[in-house]
Amino acid sequence: MEGSVTIQLELDGIEKRYGDEHALRDVDLVLEPGVVGLLGPNGAGKSTLMRIVTTVLQPTDGRVRWNGTDVREEPRAIRDSVGYLPQSFGVYPSLTAREFLRYLAAIRGVSNVGERIEDLLALVNLEAAADRRLGGFSGGMRQRVGIAQALLADPDLLVVDEPTVGLDPTERVRFRNVLAELAEDRIVVLSTHIVSDVEVTASDIVLLHDGRVLAHESPAALLDGVAGSVWEWTVGDDDLAAVKREYTISGTARRSDGVAVRVVSASRPTPAAEPAEPTLEDAYLDAIGR
């Protein structure tokens, strides 16, 4: 990558329709280097947006521009610069990790990758397992192979779709740390419905719901948006349903004297409610619950 080149991904009025159904509605985003967390529930349109960014899918309307170049007119502009880890990543179980990466480099026309592959195996902490067959890898290890293959051509844009699903907590933390390191000099788009995947590593968060962008802000700005609006108190079982109808509930916990509830509300819901420190989960649930 050329460090002096400005790296920017612009999405202008992106729409995707299937008949009368809208998968994406008027998506406007400008993304620059760092980890961009694309956060939304299942069915929000995240995978559709990722497939459009990587030119796997064409938008119904709107433009994608990569460093100022219209991708519809020159798709290779972004195809030559993107690494992609889809939600479902298949491997050849009979190949070793090293053999698999060499195979993918060959079919993609990436040359002189011997040293590059060794560096990538080290980056994703698979040096010791490089000559083991992929059929014996855990889910987390396969995901790390997926990151390595996405980085074979040293892309300026790395797109990973729901990468931590099925990973244990240790693998999830390791995976997030790798992405944070990679984002120092490239755009890393991390699509997920799991708030913890992005709350620590993301420099920007895009909240997507029903195909619409609800917010594109830093984690700190999202937290500021619900500051002073998060409350906790304990209710009886008979009152819980009424609280759920009236407020956005971001958490509950069973206690001996009832159910502790955590809600987002601009005003104190009840004299018994005490203010609580906001979390990104509060901001996220408040945004999609409006």
C-alpha atoms as a PDB file:
ATOM      1  CA  MET A   1       0.000   0.000   0.000  1.00  0.00           C
ATOM      2  CA  GLU A   2       1.109   3.558  -0.645  1.00  0.00           C
ATOM      3  CA  GLY A   3       1.009   5.421   2.632  1.00  0.00           C
ATOM      4  CA  SER A   4       0.717   8.817   0.941  1.00  0.00           C
ATOM      5  CA  VAL A   5      -2.497   7.912  -0.898  1.00  0.00           C
ATOM      6  CA  THR A   6      -5.752   9.008   0.713  1.00  0.00           C
ATOM      7  CA  ILE A   7      -7.939   5.978   1.372  1.00  0.00           C
ATOM      8  CA  GLN A   8     -11.660   6.677   1.277  1.00  0.00           C
ATOM      9  CA  LEU A   9     -14.826   4.704   0.609  1.00  0.00           C
ATOM     10  CA  GLU A  10     -17.926   6.738  -0.229  1.00  0.00           C
ATOM     11  CA  LEU A  11     -21.462   5.396  -0.499  1.00  0.00           C
ATOM     12  CA  ASP A  12     -23.897   7.863  -2.015  1.00  0.00           C
ATOM     13  CA  GLY A  13     -27.639   7.167  -1.933  1.00  0.00           C
ATOM     14  CA  ILE A  14     -27.280   3.378  -2.007  1.00  0.00           C
ATOM     15  CA  GLU A  15     -30.580   1.558  -2.472  1.00  0.00           C
ATOM     16  CA  LYS A  16     -31.232  -2.135  -2.983  1.00  0.00           C
ATOM     17  CA  ARG A  17     -34.697  -3.379  -3.852  1.00  0.00           C
ATOM     18  CA  TYR A  18     -36.069  -6.823  -4.575  1.00  0.00           C
ATOM     19  CA  GLY A  19     -39.416  -6.118  -6.186  1.00  0.00           C
ATOM     20  CA  ASP A  20     -41.305  -3.995  -3.666  1.00  0.00           C
ATOM     21  CA  GLU A  21     -39.005  -4.998  -0.808  1.00  0.00           C
ATOM     22  CA  HIS A  22     -36.230  -2.619   0.282  1.00  0.00           C
ATOM     23  CA  ALA A  23     -33.048  -4.246   1.589  1.00  0.00           C
ATOM     24  CA  LEU A  24     -31.255  -0.877   1.750  1.00  0.00           C
ATOM     25  CA  ARG A  25     -32.688   2.638   1.742  1.00  0.00           C
ATOM     26  CA  ASP A  26     -30.696   5.775   0.868  1.00  0.00           C
ATOM     27  CA  VAL A  27     -27.421   4.781   2.535  1.00  0.00           C
ATOM     28  CA  ASP A  28     -24.911   7.663   2.641  1.00  0.00           C
ATOM     29  CA  LEU A  29     -21.514   6.980   4.236  1.00  0.00           C
ATOM     30  CA  VAL A  30     -17.933   8.193   3.985  1.00  0.00           C
ATOM     31  CA  LEU A  31     -15.416   5.784   5.517  1.00  0.00           C
ATOM     32  CA  GLU A  32     -11.707   6.325   6.170  1.00  0.00           C
ATOM     33  CA  PRO A  33      -8.938   4.204   7.784  1.00  0.00           C
ATOM     34  CA  GLY A  34      -9.791   2.602  11.111  1.00  0.00           C
ATOM     35  CA  VAL A  35     -12.199  -0.060  12.315  1.00  0.00           C
ATOM     36  CA  VAL A  36     -15.728   0.809  11.212  1.00  0.00           C
ATOM     37  CA  GLY A  37     -18.292  -1.230  13.113  1.00  0.00           C
ATOM     38  CA  LEU A  38     -21.393  -1.907  11.022  1.00  0.00           C
ATOM     39  CA  LEU A  39     -23.823  -2.785  13.787  1.00  0.00           C
ATOM     40  CA  GLY A  40     -27.397  -3.943  13.407  1.00  0.00           C
ATOM     41  CA  PRO A  41     -29.756  -6.843  14.093  1.00  0.00           C
ATOM     42  CA  ASN A  42     -30.042  -9.802  11.760  1.00  0.00           C
ATOM     43  CA  GLY A  43     -31.945  -8.728   8.660  1.00  0.00           C
ATOM     44  CA  ALA A  44     -30.873  -5.083   8.935  1.00  0.00           C
ATOM     45  CA  GLY A  45     -29.160  -5.135   5.523  1.00  0.00           C
ATOM     46  CA  LYS A  46     -25.553  -5.511   6.680  1.00  0.00           C
ATOM     47  CA  SER A  47     -24.631  -8.438   4.433  1.00  0.00           C
ATOM     48  CA  THR A  48     -26.343  -6.807   1.459  1.00  0.00           C
ATOM     49  CA  LEU A  49     -24.307  -3.653   2.003  1.00  0.00           C
ATOM     50  CA  MET A  50     -21.066  -5.637   2.305  1.00  0.00           C
ATOM     51  CA  ARG A  51     -21.800  -7.489  -0.930  1.00  0.00           C
ATOM     52  CA  ILE A  52     -22.391  -4.178  -2.697  1.00  0.00           C
ATOM     53  CA  VAL A  53     -19.149  -2.709  -1.355  1.00  0.00           C
ATOM     54  CA  THR A  54     -17.199  -5.736  -2.587  1.00  0.00           C
ATOM     55  CA  THR A  55     -18.984  -5.628  -6.016  1.00  0.00           C
ATOM     56  CA  VAL A  56     -20.533  -9.067  -5.493  1.00  0.00           C
ATOM     57  CA  LEU A  57     -23.916  -7.318  -5.809  1.00  0.00           C
ATOM     58  CA  GLN A  58     -24.975  -4.225  -7.736  1.00  0.00           C
ATOM     59  CA  PRO A  59     -27.120  -1.558  -6.029  1.00  0.00           C
ATOM     60  CA  THR A  60     -30.497  -0.705  -7.510  1.00  0.00           C
ATOM     61  CA  ASP A  61     -29.655   2.980  -7.145  1.00  0.00           C
ATOM     62  CA  GLY A  62     -26.763   5.034  -5.837  1.00  0.00           C
ATOM     63  CA  ARG A  63     -22.998   5.093  -6.272  1.00  0.00           C
ATOM     64  CA  VAL A  64     -19.993   3.544  -4.564  1.00  0.00           C
ATOM     65  CA  ARG A  65     -16.774   5.508  -4.957  1.00  0.00           C
ATOM     66  CA  TRP A  66     -13.355   4.196  -4.018  1.00  0.00           C
ATOM     67  CA  ASN A  67     -10.763   6.951  -3.669  1.00  0.00           C
ATOM     68  CA  GLY A  68     -12.958   9.094  -5.912  1.00  0.00           C
ATOM     69  CA  THR A  69     -13.457   6.468  -8.636  1.00  0.00           C
ATOM     70  CA  ASP A  70     -16.999   5.325  -9.465  1.00  0.00           C
ATOM     71  CA  VAL A  71     -16.976   1.574  -8.843  1.00  0.00           C
ATOM     72  CA  ARG A  72     -19.890   0.928 -11.201  1.00  0.00           C
ATOM     73  CA  GLU A  73     -17.824   2.312 -14.082  1.00  0.00           C
ATOM     74  CA  GLU A  74     -14.484   0.856 -12.951  1.00  0.00           C
ATOM     75  CA  PRO A  75     -15.129  -2.133 -10.665  1.00  0.00           C
ATOM     76  CA  ARG A  76     -11.483  -3.213 -10.701  1.00  0.00           C
ATOM     77  CA  ALA A  77     -10.604  -0.027  -8.827  1.00  0.00           C
ATOM     78  CA  ILE A  78     -12.006  -1.560  -5.655  1.00  0.00           C
ATOM     79  CA  ARG A  79     -11.671  -5.254  -6.513  1.00  0.00           C
ATOM     80  CA  ASP A  80      -7.894  -4.856  -6.634  1.00  0.00           C
ATOM     81  CA  SER A  81      -7.938  -3.157  -3.219  1.00  0.00           C
ATOM     82  CA  VAL A  82     -10.382  -5.228  -1.169  1.00  0.00           C
ATOM     83  CA  GLY A  83     -10.017  -8.286   1.033  1.00  0.00           C
ATOM     84  CA  TYR A  84     -13.239 -10.050   1.990  1.00  0.00           C
ATOM     85  CA  LEU A  85     -14.113 -12.543   4.710  1.00  0.00           C
ATOM     86  CA  PRO A  86     -17.767 -13.551   4.183  1.00  0.00           C
ATOM     87  CA  GLN A  87     -19.981 -14.816   6.964  1.00  0.00           C
ATOM     88  CA  SER A  88     -19.640 -18.373   5.666  1.00  0.00           C
ATOM     89  CA  PHE A  89     -16.019 -19.133   4.843  1.00  0.00           C
ATOM     90  CA  GLY A  90     -15.242 -22.560   3.405  1.00  0.00           C
ATOM     91  CA  VAL A  91     -11.888 -24.330   3.405  1.00  0.00           C
ATOM     92  CA  TYR A  92     -10.439 -27.485   1.873  1.00  0.00           C
ATOM     93  CA  PRO A  93     -10.108 -29.777   4.906  1.00  0.00           C
ATOM     94  CA  SER A  94      -7.385 -31.916   3.330  1.00  0.00           C
ATOM     95  CA  LEU A  95      -5.034 -28.937   2.839  1.00  0.00           C
ATOM     96  CA  THR A  96      -2.803 -27.424   5.475  1.00  0.00           C
ATOM     97  CA  ALA A  97      -3.140 -23.735   6.310  1.00  0.00           C
ATOM     98  CA  ARG A  98       0.051 -22.929   4.398  1.00  0.00           C
ATOM     99  CA  GLU A  99      -1.019 -24.971   1.355  1.00  0.00           C
ATOM    100  CA  PHE A 100      -4.458 -23.372   1.357  1.00  0.00           C
ATOM    101  CA  LEU A 101      -3.038 -19.837   1.352  1.00  0.00           C
ATOM    102  CA  ARG A 102      -0.615 -20.720  -1.456  1.00  0.00           C
ATOM    103  CA  TYR A 103      -3.488 -22.215  -3.453  1.00  0.00           C
ATOM    104  CA  LEU A 104      -5.667 -19.110  -3.055  1.00  0.00           C
ATOM    105  CA  ALA A 105      -2.768 -16.827  -3.963  1.00  0.00           C
ATOM    106  CA  ALA A 106      -2.205 -18.826  -7.153  1.00  0.00           C
ATOM    107  CA  ILE A 107      -5.822 -18.754  -8.360  1.00  0.00           C
ATOM    108  CA  ARG A 108      -6.045 -15.017  -7.582  1.00  0.00           C
ATOM    109  CA  GLY A 109      -2.850 -14.249  -9.461  1.00  0.00           C
ATOM    110  CA  VAL A 110      -1.010 -12.944  -6.403  1.00  0.00           C
ATOM    111  CA  SER A 111       2.702 -13.584  -6.989  1.00  0.00           C
ATOM    112  CA  ASN A 112       5.788 -13.701  -4.767  1.00  0.00           C
ATOM    113  CA  VAL A 113       3.756 -14.485  -1.664  1.00  0.00           C
ATOM    114  CA  GLY A 114       6.044 -16.930   0.128  1.00  0.00           C
ATOM    115  CA  GLU A 115       7.284 -14.421   2.680  1.00  0.00           C
ATOM    116  CA  ARG A 116       3.882 -12.722   2.769  1.00  0.00           C
ATOM    117  CA  ILE A 117       2.183 -15.984   3.768  1.00  0.00           C
ATOM    118  CA  GLU A 118       4.662 -16.546   6.582  1.00  0.00           C
ATOM    119  CA  ASP A 119       4.059 -13.008   7.852  1.00  0.00           C
ATOM    120  CA  LEU A 120       0.295 -13.533   7.745  1.00  0.00           C
ATOM    121  CA  LEU A 121       0.492 -16.839   9.582  1.00  0.00           C
ATOM    122  CA  ALA A 122       2.456 -15.041  12.287  1.00  0.00           C
ATOM    123  CA  LEU A 123      -0.018 -12.146  12.346  1.00  0.00           C
ATOM    124  CA  VAL A 124      -2.971 -14.446  13.003  1.00  0.00           C
ATOM    125  CA  ASN A 125      -0.974 -16.618  15.420  1.00  0.00           C
ATOM    126  CA  LEU A 126      -1.031 -19.766  13.296  1.00  0.00           C
ATOM    127  CA  GLU A 127       2.692 -20.350  12.793  1.00  0.00           C
ATOM    128  CA  ALA A 128       2.684 -23.468  14.961  1.00  0.00           C
ATOM    129  CA  ALA A 129      -0.375 -24.861  13.149  1.00  0.00           C
ATOM    130  CA  ALA A 130       0.637 -23.904   9.602  1.00  0.00           C
ATOM    131  CA  ASP A 131       1.274 -27.504   8.525  1.00  0.00           C
ATOM    132  CA  ARG A 132      -1.805 -29.008  10.151  1.00  0.00           C
ATOM    133  CA  ARG A 133      -4.758 -29.963   7.965  1.00  0.00           C
ATOM    134  CA  LEU A 134      -7.628 -27.492   8.055  1.00  0.00           C
ATOM    135  CA  GLY A 135     -10.109 -30.270   8.783  1.00  0.00           C
ATOM    136  CA  GLY A 136      -8.767 -30.384  12.322  1.00  0.00           C
ATOM    137  CA  PHE A 137      -8.971 -26.623  12.952  1.00  0.00           C
ATOM    138  CA  SER A 138     -11.386 -25.073  15.448  1.00  0.00           C
ATOM    139  CA  GLY A 139     -13.874 -22.437  14.317  1.00  0.00           C
ATOM    140  CA  GLY A 140     -11.649 -19.680  15.641  1.00  0.00           C
ATOM    141  CA  MET A 141      -8.596 -21.036  13.843  1.00  0.00           C
ATOM    142  CA  ARG A 142     -10.524 -21.221  10.572  1.00  0.00           C
ATOM    143  CA  GLN A 143     -11.616 -17.621  11.008  1.00  0.00           C
ATOM    144  CA  ARG A 144      -7.976 -16.634  11.446  1.00  0.00           C
ATOM    145  CA  VAL A 145      -7.154 -18.456   8.211  1.00  0.00           C
ATOM    146  CA  GLY A 146     -10.005 -16.448   6.692  1.00  0.00           C
ATOM    147  CA  ILE A 147      -8.406 -13.189   7.770  1.00  0.00           C
ATOM    148  CA  ALA A 148      -5.053 -14.329   6.376  1.00  0.00           C
ATOM    149  CA  GLN A 149      -6.559 -15.135   2.954  1.00  0.00           C
ATOM    150  CA  ALA A 150      -8.328 -11.779   2.874  1.00  0.00           C
ATOM    151  CA  LEU A 151      -4.961 -10.068   3.404  1.00  0.00           C
ATOM    152  CA  LEU A 152      -2.966 -11.942   0.761  1.00  0.00           C
ATOM    153  CA  ALA A 153      -2.865  -8.965  -1.608  1.00  0.00           C
ATOM    154  CA  ASP A 154      -2.307  -6.449   1.234  1.00  0.00           C
ATOM    155  CA  PRO A 155      -5.639  -4.667   0.601  1.00  0.00           C
ATOM    156  CA  ASP A 156      -6.485  -1.109   1.587  1.00  0.00           C
ATOM    157  CA  LEU A 157     -10.053  -2.210   2.405  1.00  0.00           C
ATOM    158  CA  LEU A 158     -10.815  -5.248   4.558  1.00  0.00           C
ATOM    159  CA  VAL A 159     -14.449  -6.342   4.884  1.00  0.00           C
ATOM    160  CA  VAL A 160     -15.412  -8.977   7.457  1.00  0.00           C
ATOM    161  CA  ASP A 161     -19.018 -10.130   7.808  1.00  0.00           C
ATOM    162  CA  GLU A 162     -20.171 -11.474  11.219  1.00  0.00           C
ATOM    163  CA  PRO A 163     -16.682 -12.876  11.910  1.00  0.00           C
ATOM    164  CA  THR A 164     -17.077 -13.829  15.581  1.00  0.00           C
ATOM    165  CA  VAL A 165     -20.222 -15.952  15.363  1.00  0.00           C
ATOM    166  CA  GLY A 166     -19.437 -19.320  16.933  1.00  0.00           C
ATOM    167  CA  LEU A 167     -16.133 -18.234  18.467  1.00  0.00           C
ATOM    168  CA  ASP A 168     -15.385 -18.730  22.138  1.00  0.00           C
ATOM    169  CA  PRO A 169     -14.646 -15.605  24.254  1.00  0.00           C
ATOM    170  CA  THR A 170     -10.861 -15.989  24.019  1.00  0.00           C
ATOM    171  CA  GLU A 171     -10.933 -16.404  20.239  1.00  0.00           C
ATOM    172  CA  ARG A 172     -13.283 -13.424  19.943  1.00  0.00           C
ATOM    173  CA  VAL A 173     -10.895 -11.143  21.846  1.00  0.00           C
ATOM    174  CA  ARG A 174      -7.907 -12.365  19.817  1.00  0.00           C
ATOM    175  CA  PHE A 175      -9.812 -11.762  16.585  1.00  0.00           C
ATOM    176  CA  ARG A 176     -10.753  -8.207  17.582  1.00  0.00           C
ATOM    177  CA  ASN A 177      -7.144  -7.436  18.490  1.00  0.00           C
ATOM    178  CA  VAL A 178      -5.944  -8.592  15.073  1.00  0.00           C
ATOM    179  CA  LEU A 179      -8.492  -6.352  13.336  1.00  0.00           C
ATOM    180  CA  ALA A 180      -7.479  -3.349  15.448  1.00  0.00           C
ATOM    181  CA  GLU A 181      -3.845  -3.850  14.483  1.00  0.00           C
ATOM    182  CA  LEU A 182      -4.714  -4.127  10.797  1.00  0.00           C
ATOM    183  CA  ALA A 183      -6.784  -0.924  10.860  1.00  0.00           C
ATOM    184  CA  GLU A 184      -3.800   1.322  11.493  1.00  0.00           C
ATOM    185  CA  ASP A 185      -3.323   1.885   7.760  1.00  0.00           C
ATOM    186  CA  ARG A 186      -6.480   0.599   6.076  1.00  0.00           C
ATOM    187  CA  ILE A 187     -10.268   0.633   6.337  1.00  0.00           C
ATOM    188  CA  VAL A 188     -11.593  -2.391   8.220  1.00  0.00           C
ATOM    189  CA  VAL A 189     -15.370  -2.800   8.005  1.00  0.00           C
ATOM    190  CA  LEU A 190     -16.613  -5.172  10.691  1.00  0.00           C
ATOM    191  CA  SER A 191     -20.245  -6.184  10.207  1.00  0.00           C
ATOM    192  CA  THR A 192     -21.882  -7.664  13.309  1.00  0.00           C
ATOM    193  CA  HIS A 193     -24.985  -7.804  15.504  1.00  0.00           C
ATOM    194  CA  ILE A 194     -22.842  -8.275  18.629  1.00  0.00           C
ATOM    195  CA  VAL A 195     -22.167  -4.969  20.394  1.00  0.00           C
ATOM    196  CA  SER A 196     -19.057  -6.232  22.192  1.00  0.00           C
ATOM    197  CA  ASP A 197     -17.389  -6.891  18.826  1.00  0.00           C
ATOM    198  CA  VAL A 198     -17.155  -3.157  18.145  1.00  0.00           C
ATOM    199  CA  GLU A 199     -17.366  -1.277  21.456  1.00  0.00           C
ATOM    200  CA  VAL A 200     -13.628  -1.524  22.170  1.00  0.00           C
ATOM    201  CA  THR A 201     -11.996  -1.638  18.732  1.00  0.00           C
ATOM    202  CA  ALA A 202     -14.177   0.549  16.479  1.00  0.00           C
ATOM    203  CA  SER A 203     -13.189   4.136  15.740  1.00  0.00           C
ATOM    204  CA  ASP A 204     -16.604   4.706  14.138  1.00  0.00           C
ATOM    205  CA  ILE A 205     -19.884   2.855  14.397  1.00  0.00           C
ATOM    206  CA  VAL A 206     -22.629   2.733  11.792  1.00  0.00           C
ATOM    207  CA  LEU A 207     -26.018   1.696  13.185  1.00  0.00           C
ATOM    208  CA  LEU A 208     -28.117  -0.009  10.509  1.00  0.00           C
ATOM    209  CA  HIS A 209     -31.754  -1.023  10.975  1.00  0.00           C
ATOM    210  CA  ASP A 210     -34.376  -2.005   8.397  1.00  0.00           C
ATOM    211  CA  GLY A 211     -31.948  -1.013   5.647  1.00  0.00           C
ATOM    212  CA  ARG A 212     -31.469   2.530   6.959  1.00  0.00           C
ATOM    213  CA  VAL A 213     -28.481   4.190   8.607  1.00  0.00           C
ATOM    214  CA  LEU A 214     -29.671   5.405  12.014  1.00  0.00           C
ATOM    215  CA  ALA A 215     -26.330   6.865  13.081  1.00  0.00           C
ATOM    216  CA  HIS A 216     -22.688   7.117  12.020  1.00  0.00           C
ATOM    217  CA  GLU A 217     -20.683   8.319  14.994  1.00  0.00           C
ATOM    218  CA  SER A 218     -17.793   7.509  17.278  1.00  0.00           C
ATOM    219  CA  PRO A 219     -18.539   5.241  20.260  1.00  0.00           C
ATOM    220  CA  ALA A 220     -18.054   8.245  22.558  1.00  0.00           C
ATOM    221  CA  ALA A 221     -20.636  10.289  20.645  1.00  0.00           C
ATOM    222  CA  LEU A 222     -23.153   7.445  20.793  1.00  0.00           C
ATOM    223  CA  LEU A 223     -22.642   7.195  24.553  1.00  0.00           C
ATOM    224  CA  ASP A 224     -23.091  10.954  24.901  1.00  0.00           C
ATOM    225  CA  GLY A 225     -26.434  10.586  23.147  1.00  0.00           C
ATOM    226  CA  VAL A 226     -27.854   8.513  26.006  1.00  0.00           C
ATOM    227  CA  ALA A 227     -25.946  10.140  28.879  1.00  0.00           C
ATOM    228  CA  GLY A 228     -28.349  10.921  31.705  1.00  0.00           C
ATOM    229  CA  SER A 229     -31.028   8.729  30.119  1.00  0.00           C
ATOM    230  CA  VAL A 230     -30.208   5.289  31.506  1.00  0.00           C
ATOM    231  CA  TRP A 231     -32.020   4.113  34.647  1.00  0.00           C
ATOM    232  CA  GLU A 232     -32.155   1.039  36.845  1.00  0.00           C
ATOM    233  CA  TRP A 233     -34.699  -0.128  39.433  1.00  0.00           C
ATOM    234  CA  THR A 234     -36.419  -3.283  40.607  1.00  0.00           C
ATOM    235  CA  VAL A 235     -39.991  -4.151  39.658  1.00  0.00           C
ATOM    236  CA  GLY A 236     -42.332  -6.956  40.619  1.00  0.00           C
ATOM    237  CA  ASP A 237     -43.144  -9.705  38.144  1.00  0.00           C
ATOM    238  CA  ASP A 238     -46.642  -8.285  37.666  1.00  0.00           C
ATOM    239  CA  ASP A 239     -45.244  -4.893  36.605  1.00  0.00           C
ATOM    240  CA  LEU A 240     -42.575  -6.135  34.179  1.00  0.00           C
ATOM    241  CA  ALA A 241     -44.868  -6.388  31.152  1.00  0.00           C
ATOM    242  CA  ALA A 242     -46.016  -2.773  31.576  1.00  0.00           C
ATOM    243  CA  VAL A 243     -42.417  -1.546  31.797  1.00  0.00           C
ATOM    244  CA  LYS A 244     -41.542  -3.433  28.603  1.00  0.00           C
ATOM    245  CA  ARG A 245     -44.454  -1.806  26.784  1.00  0.00           C
ATOM    246  CA  GLU A 246     -43.503   1.706  27.827  1.00  0.00           C
ATOM    247  CA  TYR A 247     -39.691   1.737  27.701  1.00  0.00           C
ATOM    248  CA  THR A 248     -36.709   0.432  25.764  1.00  0.00           C
ATOM    249  CA  ILE A 249     -35.276  -2.204  28.092  1.00  0.00           C
ATOM    250  CA  SER A 250     -31.553  -2.814  27.691  1.00  0.00           C
ATOM    251  CA  GLY A 251     -31.202  -5.373  30.469  1.00  0.00           C
ATOM    252  CA  THR A 252     -32.966  -7.419  33.130  1.00  0.00           C
ATOM    253  CA  ALA A 253     -31.731  -9.534  36.038  1.00  0.00           C
ATOM    254  CA  ARG A 254     -33.662 -11.734  38.427  1.00  0.00           C
ATOM    255  CA  ARG A 255     -33.349 -10.783  42.103  1.00  0.00           C
ATOM    256  CA  SER A 256     -34.862 -12.108  45.321  1.00  0.00           C
ATOM    257  CA  ASP A 257     -37.199  -9.100  45.530  1.00  0.00           C
ATOM    258  CA  GLY A 258     -38.220  -8.983  41.867  1.00  0.00           C
ATOM    259  CA  VAL A 259     -36.617  -8.156  38.516  1.00  0.00           C
ATOM    260  CA  ALA A 260     -33.927  -5.501  38.120  1.00  0.00           C
ATOM    261  CA  VAL A 261     -34.607  -3.573  34.909  1.00  0.00           C
ATOM    262  CA  ARG A 262     -32.396  -1.215  32.957  1.00  0.00           C
ATOM    263  CA  VAL A 263     -34.126   1.213  30.602  1.00  0.00           C
ATOM    264  CA  VAL A 264     -33.347   4.181  28.383  1.00  0.00           C
ATOM    265  CA  SER A 265     -35.654   7.129  29.063  1.00  0.00           C
ATOM    266  CA  ALA A 266     -35.200  10.899  28.695  1.00  0.00           C
ATOM    267  CA  SER A 267     -36.827  11.401  32.105  1.00  0.00           C
ATOM    268  CA  ARG A 268     -36.776   9.420  35.350  1.00  0.00           C
ATOM    269  CA  PRO A 269     -39.327   6.620  34.820  1.00  0.00           C
ATOM    270  CA  THR A 270     -40.249   6.323  38.495  1.00  0.00           C
ATOM    271  CA  PRO A 271     -39.025   7.798  41.791  1.00  0.00           C
ATOM    272  CA  ALA A 272     -37.421   4.412  42.519  1.00  0.00           C
ATOM    273  CA  ALA A 273     -35.230   4.568  39.391  1.00  0.00           C
ATOM    274  CA  GLU A 274     -31.546   5.377  39.851  1.00  0.00           C
ATOM    275  CA  PRO A 275     -29.279   6.815  37.125  1.00  0.00           C
ATOM    276  CA  ALA A 276     -26.827   4.345  35.557  1.00  0.00           C
ATOM    277  CA  GLU A 277     -23.652   4.706  33.514  1.00  0.00           C
ATOM    278  CA  PRO A 278     -24.573   4.312  29.824  1.00  0.00           C
ATOM    279  CA  THR A 279     -23.107   1.575  27.660  1.00  0.00           C
ATOM    280  CA  LEU A 280     -22.946   1.138  23.907  1.00  0.00           C
ATOM    281  CA  GLU A 281     -25.612  -1.548  24.256  1.00  0.00           C
ATOM    282  CA  ASP A 282     -27.940   1.101  25.722  1.00  0.00           C
ATOM    283  CA  ALA A 283     -27.266   3.461  22.809  1.00  0.00           C
ATOM    284  CA  TYR A 284     -27.723   0.694  20.255  1.00  0.00           C
ATOM    285  CA  LEU A 285     -31.014  -0.601  21.653  1.00  0.00           C
ATOM    286  CA  ASP A 286     -32.331   2.937  22.076  1.00  0.00           C
ATOM    287  CA  ALA A 287     -31.575   3.766  18.437  1.00  0.00           C
ATOM    288  CA  ILE A 288     -33.233   0.686  16.951  1.00  0.00           C
ATOM    289  CA  GLY A 289     -36.158   0.888  19.376  1.00  0.00           C
ATOM    290  CA  ARG A 290     -37.244   4.411  18.422  1.00  0.00           C
END
